[in-house]
Full PDB file with SEQRES, HELIX, SHEET, SSBOND, CRYST1, ORIGX, SCALE, CONECT and MASTER records, all heavy atoms in Angstrom:
SEQRES   1 A   38  VAL GLU ASN ARG ASP LEU GLN ARG ASP ALA LYS GLY ARG          
SEQRES   2 A   38  PRO ARG THR LEU THR SER ILE THR ILE THR ASP GLY THR          
SEQRES   3 A   38  SER GLU LEU ASP LEU ALA PHE PHE ASN GLN SER TRP              
SHEET    1 AA1 3 GLU A   2  LEU A   6  0                                        
SHEET    2 AA1 3 ARG A  15  THR A  23 -1                                        
SHEET    3 AA1 3 GLU A  28  PHE A  34 -1                                        
CRYST1    1.000    1.000    1.000  90.00  90.00  90.00 P 1           1          
ORIGX1      1.000000  0.000000  0.000000        0.00000                         
ORIGX2      0.000000  1.000000  0.000000        0.00000                         
ORIGX3      0.000000  0.000000  1.000000        0.00000                         
SCALE1      1.000000  0.000000  0.000000        0.00000                         
SCALE2      0.000000  1.000000  0.000000        0.00000                         
SCALE3      0.000000  0.000000  1.000000        0.00000                         
ATOM      1  N   VAL A   1       5.311 -15.235   0.846  1.00  0.00           N  
ATOM      2  CA  VAL A   1       4.073 -16.024   0.827  1.00  0.00           C  
ATOM      3  C   VAL A   1       3.660 -16.294   2.272  1.00  0.00           C  
ATOM      4  O   VAL A   1       4.487 -16.645   3.118  1.00  0.00           O  
ATOM      5  CB  VAL A   1       4.266 -17.363   0.083  1.00  0.00           C  
ATOM      6  CG1 VAL A   1       2.941 -18.133   0.032  1.00  0.00           C  
ATOM      7  CG2 VAL A   1       4.818 -17.134  -1.303  1.00  0.00           C  
ATOM      8  N   GLU A   2       2.359 -16.127   2.552  1.00  0.00           N  
ATOM      9  CA  GLU A   2       1.857 -16.394   3.894  1.00  0.00           C  
ATOM     10  C   GLU A   2       0.503 -17.075   3.801  1.00  0.00           C  
ATOM     11  O   GLU A   2      -0.381 -16.621   3.083  1.00  0.00           O  
ATOM     12  CB  GLU A   2       1.717 -15.083   4.686  1.00  0.00           C  
ATOM     13  CG  GLU A   2       1.178 -15.300   6.098  1.00  0.00           C  
ATOM     14  CD  GLU A   2       0.881 -13.986   6.810  1.00  0.00           C  
ATOM     15  OE1 GLU A   2       1.065 -12.920   6.185  1.00  0.00           O  
ATOM     16  OE2 GLU A   2       0.445 -14.030   7.979  1.00  0.00           O  
ATOM     17  N   ASN A   3       0.370 -18.196   4.518  1.00  0.00           N  
ATOM     18  CA  ASN A   3      -0.904 -18.907   4.611  1.00  0.00           C  
ATOM     19  C   ASN A   3      -1.497 -18.662   5.987  1.00  0.00           C  
ATOM     20  O   ASN A   3      -0.815 -18.830   7.010  1.00  0.00           O  
ATOM     21  CB  ASN A   3      -0.684 -20.415   4.427  1.00  0.00           C  
ATOM     22  CG  ASN A   3      -1.106 -20.870   3.046  1.00  0.00           C  
ATOM     23  OD1 ASN A   3      -1.720 -20.113   2.302  1.00  0.00           O  
ATOM     24  ND2 ASN A   3      -0.762 -22.099   2.693  1.00  0.00           N  
ATOM     25  N   ARG A   4      -2.780 -18.258   6.027  1.00  0.00           N  
ATOM     26  CA  ARG A   4      -3.428 -18.025   7.311  1.00  0.00           C  
ATOM     27  C   ARG A   4      -4.763 -18.752   7.364  1.00  0.00           C  
ATOM     28  O   ARG A   4      -5.498 -18.790   6.375  1.00  0.00           O  
ATOM     29  CB  ARG A   4      -3.663 -16.522   7.532  1.00  0.00           C  
ATOM     30  CG  ARG A   4      -2.404 -15.747   7.858  1.00  0.00           C  
ATOM     31  CD  ARG A   4      -2.731 -14.349   8.355  1.00  0.00           C  
ATOM     32  NE  ARG A   4      -3.325 -13.522   7.299  1.00  0.00           N  
ATOM     33  CZ  ARG A   4      -4.381 -12.755   7.476  1.00  0.00           C  
ATOM     34  NH1 ARG A   4      -5.023 -12.749   8.633  1.00  0.00           N  
ATOM     35  NH2 ARG A   4      -4.833 -12.011   6.495  1.00  0.00           N  
ATOM     36  N   ASP A   5      -5.052 -19.322   8.546  1.00  0.00           N  
ATOM     37  CA  ASP A   5      -6.354 -19.939   8.760  1.00  0.00           C  
ATOM     38  C   ASP A   5      -7.342 -18.866   9.199  1.00  0.00           C  
ATOM     39  O   ASP A   5      -7.040 -18.043  10.073  1.00  0.00           O  
ATOM     40  CB  ASP A   5      -6.266 -21.030   9.833  1.00  0.00           C  
ATOM     41  CG  ASP A   5      -5.454 -22.231   9.367  1.00  0.00           C  
ATOM     42  OD1 ASP A   5      -5.517 -22.534   8.157  1.00  0.00           O  
ATOM     43  OD2 ASP A   5      -4.737 -22.822  10.204  1.00  0.00           O  
ATOM     44  N   LEU A   6      -8.529 -18.873   8.610  1.00  0.00           N  
ATOM     45  CA  LEU A   6      -9.577 -17.927   8.955  1.00  0.00           C  
ATOM     46  C   LEU A   6     -10.657 -18.630   9.766  1.00  0.00           C  
ATOM     47  O   LEU A   6     -10.645 -19.860   9.929  1.00  0.00           O  
ATOM     48  CB  LEU A   6     -10.181 -17.316   7.692  1.00  0.00           C  
ATOM     49  CG  LEU A   6      -9.199 -16.635   6.731  1.00  0.00           C  
ATOM     50  CD1 LEU A   6      -9.951 -16.174   5.482  1.00  0.00           C  
ATOM     51  CD2 LEU A   6      -8.501 -15.464   7.408  1.00  0.00           C  
ATOM     52  N   GLN A   7     -11.610 -17.858  10.270  1.00  0.00           N  
ATOM     53  CA  GLN A   7     -12.736 -18.467  10.979  1.00  0.00           C  
ATOM     54  C   GLN A   7     -13.501 -19.380  10.042  1.00  0.00           C  
ATOM     55  O   GLN A   7     -13.620 -19.097   8.841  1.00  0.00           O  
ATOM     56  CB  GLN A   7     -13.672 -17.383  11.509  1.00  0.00           C  
ATOM     57  CG  GLN A   7     -13.111 -16.584  12.671  1.00  0.00           C  
ATOM     58  CD  GLN A   7     -14.139 -15.605  13.206  1.00  0.00           C  
ATOM     59  OE1 GLN A   7     -15.165 -15.355  12.577  1.00  0.00           O  
ATOM     60  NE2 GLN A   7     -13.872 -15.070  14.386  1.00  0.00           N  
ATOM     61  N   ARG A   8     -14.000 -20.469  10.588  1.00  0.00           N  
ATOM     62  CA  ARG A   8     -14.771 -21.396   9.773  1.00  0.00           C  
ATOM     63  C   ARG A   8     -16.039 -20.719   9.254  1.00  0.00           C  
ATOM     64  O   ARG A   8     -16.542 -19.778   9.864  1.00  0.00           O  
ATOM     65  CB  ARG A   8     -15.137 -22.646  10.582  1.00  0.00           C  
ATOM     66  CG  ARG A   8     -13.936 -23.508  10.917  1.00  0.00           C  
ATOM     67  CD  ARG A   8     -14.299 -24.691  11.792  1.00  0.00           C  
ATOM     68  NE  ARG A   8     -13.151 -25.549  12.019  1.00  0.00           N  
ATOM     69  CZ  ARG A   8     -12.839 -26.603  11.252  1.00  0.00           C  
ATOM     70  NH1 ARG A   8     -13.639 -26.931  10.241  1.00  0.00           N  
ATOM     71  NH2 ARG A   8     -11.772 -27.314  11.516  1.00  0.00           N  
ATOM     72  N   ASP A   9     -16.548 -21.205   8.124  1.00  0.00           N  
ATOM     73  CA  ASP A   9     -17.754 -20.599   7.564  1.00  0.00           C  
ATOM     74  C   ASP A   9     -18.984 -21.061   8.341  1.00  0.00           C  
ATOM     75  O   ASP A   9     -18.872 -21.796   9.337  1.00  0.00           O  
ATOM     76  CB  ASP A   9     -17.889 -20.924   6.072  1.00  0.00           C  
ATOM     77  CG  ASP A   9     -18.079 -22.412   5.800  1.00  0.00           C  
ATOM     78  OD1 ASP A   9     -18.415 -23.160   6.732  1.00  0.00           O  
ATOM     79  OD2 ASP A   9     -17.894 -22.831   4.636  1.00  0.00           O  
ATOM     80  N   ALA A  10     -20.174 -20.650   7.892  1.00  0.00           N  
ATOM     81  CA  ALA A  10     -21.416 -20.924   8.629  1.00  0.00           C  
ATOM     82  C   ALA A  10     -21.691 -22.415   8.766  1.00  0.00           C  
ATOM     83  O   ALA A  10     -22.403 -22.839   9.691  1.00  0.00           O  
ATOM     84  CB  ALA A  10     -22.586 -20.232   7.924  1.00  0.00           C  
ATOM     85  N   LYS A  11     -21.151 -23.222   7.860  1.00  0.00           N  
ATOM     86  CA  LYS A  11     -21.369 -24.675   7.920  1.00  0.00           C  
ATOM     87  C   LYS A  11     -20.230 -25.396   8.619  1.00  0.00           C  
ATOM     88  O   LYS A  11     -20.158 -26.620   8.586  1.00  0.00           O  
ATOM     89  CB  LYS A  11     -21.557 -25.226   6.507  1.00  0.00           C  
ATOM     90  CG  LYS A  11     -22.821 -24.705   5.823  1.00  0.00           C  
ATOM     91  CD  LYS A  11     -23.012 -25.366   4.464  1.00  0.00           C  
ATOM     92  CE  LYS A  11     -24.305 -24.876   3.807  1.00  0.00           C  
ATOM     93  NZ  LYS A  11     -24.530 -25.516   2.479  1.00  0.00           N  
ATOM     94  N   GLY A  12     -19.312 -24.603   9.216  1.00  0.00           N  
ATOM     95  CA  GLY A  12     -18.232 -25.226   9.970  1.00  0.00           C  
ATOM     96  C   GLY A  12     -17.052 -25.654   9.131  1.00  0.00           C  
ATOM     97  O   GLY A  12     -16.122 -26.311   9.641  1.00  0.00           O  
ATOM     98  N   ARG A  13     -17.032 -25.296   7.858  1.00  0.00           N  
ATOM     99  CA  ARG A  13     -15.922 -25.697   6.997  1.00  0.00           C  
ATOM    100  C   ARG A  13     -14.740 -24.763   7.198  1.00  0.00           C  
ATOM    101  O   ARG A  13     -14.918 -23.557   7.379  1.00  0.00           O  
ATOM    102  CB  ARG A  13     -16.357 -25.685   5.534  1.00  0.00           C  
ATOM    103  CG  ARG A  13     -17.379 -26.777   5.208  1.00  0.00           C  
ATOM    104  CD  ARG A  13     -17.927 -26.649   3.807  1.00  0.00           C  
ATOM    105  NE  ARG A  13     -18.647 -25.382   3.611  1.00  0.00           N  
ATOM    106  CZ  ARG A  13     -19.466 -25.146   2.589  1.00  0.00           C  
ATOM    107  NH1 ARG A  13     -19.663 -26.077   1.668  1.00  0.00           N  
ATOM    108  NH2 ARG A  13     -20.081 -23.981   2.499  1.00  0.00           N  
ATOM    109  N   PRO A  14     -13.514 -25.297   7.123  1.00  0.00           N  
ATOM    110  CA  PRO A  14     -12.330 -24.453   7.325  1.00  0.00           C  
ATOM    111  C   PRO A  14     -12.141 -23.480   6.162  1.00  0.00           C  
ATOM    112  O   PRO A  14     -12.518 -23.758   5.029  1.00  0.00           O  
ATOM    113  CB  PRO A  14     -11.175 -25.470   7.393  1.00  0.00           C  
ATOM    114  CG  PRO A  14     -11.678 -26.668   6.650  1.00  0.00           C  
ATOM    115  CD  PRO A  14     -13.153 -26.713   6.902  1.00  0.00           C  
ATOM    116  N   ARG A  15     -11.572 -22.302   6.486  1.00  0.00           N  
ATOM    117  CA  ARG A  15     -11.292 -21.289   5.465  1.00  0.00           C  
ATOM    118  C   ARG A  15      -9.851 -20.830   5.624  1.00  0.00           C  
ATOM    119  O   ARG A  15      -9.348 -20.705   6.747  1.00  0.00           O  
ATOM    120  CB  ARG A  15     -12.238 -20.087   5.611  1.00  0.00           C  
ATOM    121  CG  ARG A  15     -13.695 -20.416   5.360  1.00  0.00           C  
ATOM    122  CD  ARG A  15     -14.617 -19.277   5.776  1.00  0.00           C  
ATOM    123  NE  ARG A  15     -14.363 -18.071   4.982  1.00  0.00           N  
ATOM    124  CZ  ARG A  15     -14.053 -16.892   5.508  1.00  0.00           C  
ATOM    125  NH1 ARG A  15     -13.949 -16.745   6.820  1.00  0.00           N  
ATOM    126  NH2 ARG A  15     -13.839 -15.849   4.725  1.00  0.00           N  
ATOM    127  N   THR A  16      -9.220 -20.582   4.471  1.00  0.00           N  
ATOM    128  CA  THR A  16      -7.825 -20.133   4.499  1.00  0.00           C  
ATOM    129  C   THR A  16      -7.653 -18.923   3.589  1.00  0.00           C  
ATOM    130  O   THR A  16      -8.430 -18.703   2.658  1.00  0.00           O  
ATOM    131  CB  THR A  16      -6.867 -21.236   4.004  1.00  0.00           C  
ATOM    132  OG1 THR A  16      -7.189 -21.555   2.647  1.00  0.00           O  
ATOM    133  CG2 THR A  16      -6.964 -22.481   4.871  1.00  0.00           C  
ATOM    134  N   LEU A  17      -6.628 -18.135   3.894  1.00  0.00           N  
ATOM    135  CA  LEU A  17      -6.239 -17.010   3.051  1.00  0.00           C  
ATOM    136  C   LEU A  17      -4.759 -17.147   2.731  1.00  0.00           C  
ATOM    137  O   LEU A  17      -3.925 -17.215   3.648  1.00  0.00           O  
ATOM    138  CB  LEU A  17      -6.491 -15.677   3.756  1.00  0.00           C  
ATOM    139  CG  LEU A  17      -5.887 -14.442   3.073  1.00  0.00           C  
ATOM    140  CD1 LEU A  17      -6.511 -14.229   1.692  1.00  0.00           C  
ATOM    141  CD2 LEU A  17      -6.066 -13.197   3.938  1.00  0.00           C  
ATOM    142  N   THR A  18      -4.467 -17.222   1.445  1.00  0.00           N  
ATOM    143  CA  THR A  18      -3.073 -17.238   1.007  1.00  0.00           C  
ATOM    144  C   THR A  18      -2.729 -15.841   0.517  1.00  0.00           C  
ATOM    145  O   THR A  18      -3.284 -15.374  -0.482  1.00  0.00           O  
ATOM    146  CB  THR A  18      -2.852 -18.264  -0.120  1.00  0.00           C  
ATOM    147  OG1 THR A  18      -3.241 -19.561   0.352  1.00  0.00           O  
ATOM    148  CG2 THR A  18      -1.397 -18.282  -0.557  1.00  0.00           C  
ATOM    149  N   SER A  19      -1.868 -15.153   1.242  1.00  0.00           N  
ATOM    150  CA  SER A  19      -1.441 -13.803   0.879  1.00  0.00           C  
ATOM    151  C   SER A  19      -0.049 -13.874   0.271  1.00  0.00           C  
ATOM    152  O   SER A  19       0.879 -14.402   0.887  1.00  0.00           O  
ATOM    153  CB  SER A  19      -1.410 -12.893   2.114  1.00  0.00           C  
ATOM    154  OG  SER A  19      -2.698 -12.734   2.648  1.00  0.00           O  
ATOM    155  N   ILE A  20       0.066 -13.340  -0.919  1.00  0.00           N  
ATOM    156  CA  ILE A  20       1.342 -13.369  -1.639  1.00  0.00           C  
ATOM    157  C   ILE A  20       1.695 -11.935  -2.002  1.00  0.00           C  
ATOM    158  O   ILE A  20       0.848 -11.192  -2.518  1.00  0.00           O  
ATOM    159  CB  ILE A  20       1.237 -14.240  -2.907  1.00  0.00           C  
ATOM    160  CG1 ILE A  20       0.914 -15.684  -2.510  1.00  0.00           C  
ATOM    161  CG2 ILE A  20       2.517 -14.162  -3.731  1.00  0.00           C  
ATOM    162  CD1 ILE A  20       0.618 -16.591  -3.677  1.00  0.00           C  
ATOM    163  N   THR A  21       2.890 -11.537  -1.730  1.00  0.00           N  
ATOM    164  CA  THR A  21       3.363 -10.196  -2.080  1.00  0.00           C  
ATOM    165  C   THR A  21       4.297 -10.306  -3.274  1.00  0.00           C  
ATOM    166  O   THR A  21       5.258 -11.087  -3.244  1.00  0.00           O  
ATOM    167  CB  THR A  21       4.098  -9.544  -0.903  1.00  0.00           C  
ATOM    168  OG1 THR A  21       3.211  -9.459   0.212  1.00  0.00           O  
ATOM    169  CG2 THR A  21       4.568  -8.142  -1.276  1.00  0.00           C  
ATOM    170  N   ILE A  22       3.987  -9.546  -4.333  1.00  0.00           N  
ATOM    171  CA  ILE A  22       4.859  -9.518  -5.507  1.00  0.00           C  
ATOM    172  C   ILE A  22       5.507  -8.144  -5.597  1.00  0.00           C  
ATOM    173  O   ILE A  22       5.001  -7.163  -5.048  1.00  0.00           O  
ATOM    174  CB  ILE A  22       4.088  -9.835  -6.803  1.00  0.00           C  
ATOM    175  CG1 ILE A  22       2.955  -8.820  -7.039  1.00  0.00           C  
ATOM    176  CG2 ILE A  22       3.541 -11.256  -6.765  1.00  0.00           C  
ATOM    177  CD1 ILE A  22       2.221  -9.019  -8.368  1.00  0.00           C  
ATOM    178  N   THR A  23       6.647  -8.076  -6.281  1.00  0.00           N  
ATOM    179  CA  THR A  23       7.404  -6.830  -6.314  1.00  0.00           C  
ATOM    180  C   THR A  23       8.055  -6.608  -7.670  1.00  0.00           C  
ATOM    181  O   THR A  23       8.292  -7.573  -8.418  1.00  0.00           O  
ATOM    182  CB  THR A  23       8.494  -6.835  -5.217  1.00  0.00           C  
ATOM    183  OG1 THR A  23       9.216  -5.600  -5.256  1.00  0.00           O  
ATOM    184  CG2 THR A  23       9.466  -7.988  -5.417  1.00  0.00           C  
ATOM    185  N   ASP A  24       8.308  -5.336  -7.963  1.00  0.00           N  
ATOM    186  CA  ASP A  24       9.100  -4.985  -9.143  1.00  0.00           C  
ATOM    187  C   ASP A  24      10.498  -4.544  -8.726  1.00  0.00           C  
ATOM    188  O   ASP A  24      11.254  -3.988  -9.533  1.00  0.00           O  
ATOM    189  CB  ASP A  24       8.413  -3.877  -9.948  1.00  0.00           C  
ATOM    190  CG  ASP A  24       8.230  -2.590  -9.145  1.00  0.00           C  
ATOM    191  OD1 ASP A  24       8.726  -2.518  -7.996  1.00  0.00           O  
ATOM    192  OD2 ASP A  24       7.597  -1.647  -9.653  1.00  0.00           O  
ATOM    193  N   GLY A  25      10.823  -4.759  -7.452  1.00  0.00           N  
ATOM    194  CA  GLY A  25      12.110  -4.347  -6.929  1.00  0.00           C  
ATOM    195  C   GLY A  25      12.030  -3.055  -6.165  1.00  0.00           C  
ATOM    196  O   GLY A  25      12.911  -2.744  -5.354  1.00  0.00           O  
ATOM    197  N   THR A  26      10.971  -2.292  -6.401  1.00  0.00           N  
ATOM    198  CA  THR A  26      10.790  -1.011  -5.708  1.00  0.00           C  
ATOM    199  C   THR A  26       9.457  -0.976  -4.969  1.00  0.00           C  
ATOM    200  O   THR A  26       9.397  -0.657  -3.782  1.00  0.00           O  
ATOM    201  CB  THR A  26      10.845   0.161  -6.705  1.00  0.00           C  
ATOM    202  OG1 THR A  26      12.081   0.119  -7.410  1.00  0.00           O  
ATOM    203  CG2 THR A  26      10.720   1.496  -5.981  1.00  0.00           C  
ATOM    204  N   SER A  27       8.385  -1.290  -5.696  1.00  0.00           N  
ATOM    205  CA  SER A  27       7.038  -1.261  -5.117  1.00  0.00           C  
ATOM    206  C   SER A  27       6.505  -2.679  -4.976  1.00  0.00           C  
ATOM    207  O   SER A  27       7.044  -3.635  -5.556  1.00  0.00           O  
ATOM    208  CB  SER A  27       6.101  -0.440  -6.006  1.00  0.00           C  
ATOM    209  OG  SER A  27       6.582   0.874  -6.165  1.00  0.00           O  
ATOM    210  N   GLU A  28       5.425  -2.793  -4.194  1.00  0.00           N  
ATOM    211  CA  GLU A  28       4.835  -4.100  -3.934  1.00  0.00           C  
ATOM    212  C   GLU A  28       3.344  -4.090  -4.245  1.00  0.00           C  
ATOM    213  O   GLU A  28       2.701  -3.041  -4.286  1.00  0.00           O  
ATOM    214  CB  GLU A  28       5.047  -4.498  -2.467  1.00  0.00           C  
ATOM    215  CG  GLU A  28       6.503  -4.675  -2.086  1.00  0.00           C  
ATOM    216  CD  GLU A  28       6.669  -5.051  -0.625  1.00  0.00           C  
ATOM    217  OE1 GLU A  28       5.665  -4.918   0.134  1.00  0.00           O  
ATOM    218  OE2 GLU A  28       7.765  -5.487  -0.241  1.00  0.00           O  
ATOM    219  N   LEU A  29       2.808  -5.291  -4.453  1.00  0.00           N  
ATOM    220  CA  LEU A  29       1.383  -5.487  -4.689  1.00  0.00           C  
ATOM    221  C   LEU A  29       0.992  -6.797  -4.036  1.00  0.00           C  
ATOM    222  O   LEU A  29       1.717  -7.803  -4.154  1.00  0.00           O  
ATOM    223  CB  LEU A  29       1.094  -5.528  -6.198  1.00  0.00           C  
ATOM    224  CG  LEU A  29      -0.364  -5.672  -6.632  1.00  0.00           C  
ATOM    225  CD1 LEU A  29      -1.153  -4.406  -6.300  1.00  0.00           C  
ATOM    226  CD2 LEU A  29      -0.440  -5.944  -8.138  1.00  0.00           C  
ATOM    227  N   ASP A  30      -0.139  -6.812  -3.343  1.00  0.00           N  
ATOM    228  CA  ASP A  30      -0.594  -8.027  -2.669  1.00  0.00           C  
ATOM    229  C   ASP A  30      -1.508  -8.834  -3.574  1.00  0.00           C  
ATOM    230  O   ASP A  30      -2.325  -8.279  -4.325  1.00  0.00           O  
ATOM    231  CB  ASP A  30      -1.357  -7.670  -1.392  1.00  0.00           C  
ATOM    232  CG  ASP A  30      -0.442  -7.086  -0.324  1.00  0.00           C  
ATOM    233  OD1 ASP A  30       0.774  -7.345  -0.396  1.00  0.00           O  
ATOM    234  OD2 ASP A  30      -0.948  -6.382   0.562  1.00  0.00           O  
ATOM    235  N   LEU A  31      -1.382 -10.160  -3.469  1.00  0.00           N  
ATOM    236  CA  LEU A  31      -2.309 -11.087  -4.118  1.00  0.00           C  
ATOM    237  C   LEU A  31      -3.069 -11.819  -3.018  1.00  0.00           C  
ATOM    238  O   LEU A  31      -2.484 -12.184  -1.993  1.00  0.00           O  
ATOM    239  CB  LEU A  31      -1.575 -12.106  -4.982  1.00  0.00           C  
ATOM    240  CG  LEU A  31      -0.518 -11.599  -5.965  1.00  0.00           C  
ATOM    241  CD1 LEU A  31       0.078 -12.768  -6.746  1.00  0.00           C  
ATOM    242  CD2 LEU A  31      -1.106 -10.580  -6.914  1.00  0.00           C  
ATOM    243  N   ALA A  32      -4.345 -12.048  -3.213  1.00  0.00           N  
ATOM    244  CA  ALA A  32      -5.155 -12.732  -2.211  1.00  0.00           C  
ATOM    245  C   ALA A  32      -5.869 -13.919  -2.854  1.00  0.00           C  
ATOM    246  O   ALA A  32      -6.567 -13.760  -3.864  1.00  0.00           O  
ATOM    247  CB  ALA A  32      -6.176 -11.771  -1.601  1.00  0.00           C  
ATOM    248  N   PHE A  33      -5.678 -15.112  -2.247  1.00  0.00           N  
ATOM    249  CA  PHE A  33      -6.365 -16.323  -2.700  1.00  0.00           C  
ATOM    250  C   PHE A  33      -7.075 -16.941  -1.496  1.00  0.00           C  
ATOM    251  O   PHE A  33      -6.428 -17.283  -0.492  1.00  0.00           O  
ATOM    252  CB  PHE A  33      -5.369 -17.341  -3.271  1.00  0.00           C  
ATOM    253  CG  PHE A  33      -4.665 -16.896  -4.514  1.00  0.00           C  
ATOM    254  CD1 PHE A  33      -3.425 -16.289  -4.446  1.00  0.00           C  
ATOM    255  CD2 PHE A  33      -5.251 -17.087  -5.755  1.00  0.00           C  
ATOM    256  CE1 PHE A  33      -2.765 -15.886  -5.596  1.00  0.00           C  
ATOM    257  CE2 PHE A  33      -4.597 -16.688  -6.920  1.00  0.00           C  
ATOM    258  CZ  PHE A  33      -3.355 -16.076  -6.837  1.00  0.00           C  
ATOM    259  N   PHE A  34      -8.392 -17.072  -1.571  1.00  0.00           N  
ATOM    260  CA  PHE A  34      -9.164 -17.655  -0.479  1.00  0.00           C  
ATOM    261  C   PHE A  34      -9.397 -19.142  -0.748  1.00  0.00           C  
ATOM    262  O   PHE A  34      -9.799 -19.535  -1.862  1.00  0.00           O  
ATOM    263  CB  PHE A  34     -10.504 -16.937  -0.315  1.00  0.00           C  
ATOM    264  CG  PHE A  34     -10.366 -15.530   0.196  1.00  0.00           C  
ATOM    265  CD1 PHE A  34     -10.266 -14.463  -0.690  1.00  0.00           C  
ATOM    266  CD2 PHE A  34     -10.309 -15.277   1.564  1.00  0.00           C  
ATOM    267  CE1 PHE A  34     -10.125 -13.171  -0.220  1.00  0.00           C  
ATOM    268  CE2 PHE A  34     -10.175 -13.983   2.039  1.00  0.00           C  
ATOM    269  CZ  PHE A  34     -10.072 -12.925   1.152  1.00  0.00           C  
ATOM    270  N   ASN A  35      -9.124 -19.938   0.277  1.00  0.00           N  
ATOM    271  CA  ASN A  35      -9.339 -21.396   0.214  1.00  0.00           C  
ATOM    272  C   ASN A  35      -8.591 -22.036  -0.945  1.00  0.00           C  
ATOM    273  O   ASN A  35      -9.073 -22.967  -1.591  1.00  0.00           O  
ATOM    274  CB  ASN A  35     -10.840 -21.708   0.103  1.00  0.00           C  
ATOM    275  CG  ASN A  35     -11.621 -21.209   1.298  1.00  0.00           C  
ATOM    276  OD1 ASN A  35     -11.101 -21.175   2.415  1.00  0.00           O  
ATOM    277  ND2 ASN A  35     -12.859 -20.809   1.071  1.00  0.00           N  
ATOM    278  N   GLN A  36      -7.426 -21.517  -1.241  1.00  0.00           N  
ATOM    279  CA  GLN A  36      -6.585 -22.082  -2.312  1.00  0.00           C  
ATOM    280  C   GLN A  36      -5.136 -22.129  -1.817  1.00  0.00           C  
ATOM    281  O   GLN A  36      -4.226 -21.567  -2.430  1.00  0.00           O  
ATOM    282  CB  GLN A  36      -6.694 -21.244  -3.594  1.00  0.00           C  
ATOM    283  CG  GLN A  36      -8.090 -21.232  -4.199  1.00  0.00           C  
ATOM    284  CD  GLN A  36      -8.161 -20.429  -5.489  1.00  0.00           C  
ATOM    285  OE1 GLN A  36      -7.151 -20.109  -6.101  1.00  0.00           O  
ATOM    286  NE2 GLN A  36      -9.374 -20.110  -5.911  1.00  0.00           N  
ATOM    287  N   SER A  37      -4.937 -22.792  -0.704  1.00  0.00           N  
ATOM    288  CA  SER A  37      -3.613 -22.808  -0.087  1.00  0.00           C  
ATOM    289  C   SER A  37      -2.560 -23.457  -0.974  1.00  0.00           C  
ATOM    290  O   SER A  37      -1.362 -23.199  -0.820  1.00  0.00           O  
ATOM    291  CB  SER A  37      -3.677 -23.543   1.268  1.00  0.00           C  
ATOM    292  OG  SER A  37      -4.196 -24.854   1.101  1.00  0.00           O  
ATOM    293  N   TRP A  38      -3.006 -24.261  -1.930  1.00  0.00           N  
ATOM    294  CA  TRP A  38      -2.047 -24.912  -2.827  1.00  0.00           C  
ATOM    295  C   TRP A  38      -1.336 -23.922  -3.750  1.00  0.00           C  
ATOM    296  O   TRP A  38      -0.330 -24.253  -4.385  1.00  0.00           O  
ATOM    297  CB  TRP A  38      -2.744 -25.977  -3.674  1.00  0.00           C  
ATOM    298  CG  TRP A  38      -3.958 -25.486  -4.414  1.00  0.00           C  
ATOM    299  CD1 TRP A  38      -5.237 -25.488  -3.959  1.00  0.00           C  
ATOM    300  CD2 TRP A  38      -4.000 -24.905  -5.719  1.00  0.00           C  
ATOM    301  NE1 TRP A  38      -6.090 -24.951  -4.889  1.00  0.00           N  
ATOM    302  CE2 TRP A  38      -5.353 -24.587  -5.995  1.00  0.00           C  
ATOM    303  CE3 TRP A  38      -3.037 -24.628  -6.685  1.00  0.00           C  
ATOM    304  CZ2 TRP A  38      -5.762 -24.001  -7.184  1.00  0.00           C  
ATOM    305  CZ3 TRP A  38      -3.439 -24.061  -7.881  1.00  0.00           C  
ATOM    306  CH2 TRP A  38      -4.784 -23.738  -8.117  1.00  0.00           C  
TER     307      TRP A  38                                                      
MASTER        0    0    0    0    3    0    0    6  306    1    0    3          
END                                                                             
């Protein structure tokens, strides 16, 4: 799991990207959640 801060939007509000990597033990797949750090 990785949380990253992104550039603020046009109104100056903070933006985040939560990147989560899931696996079946062999291969991986990324999950992306914007502004949902929880």
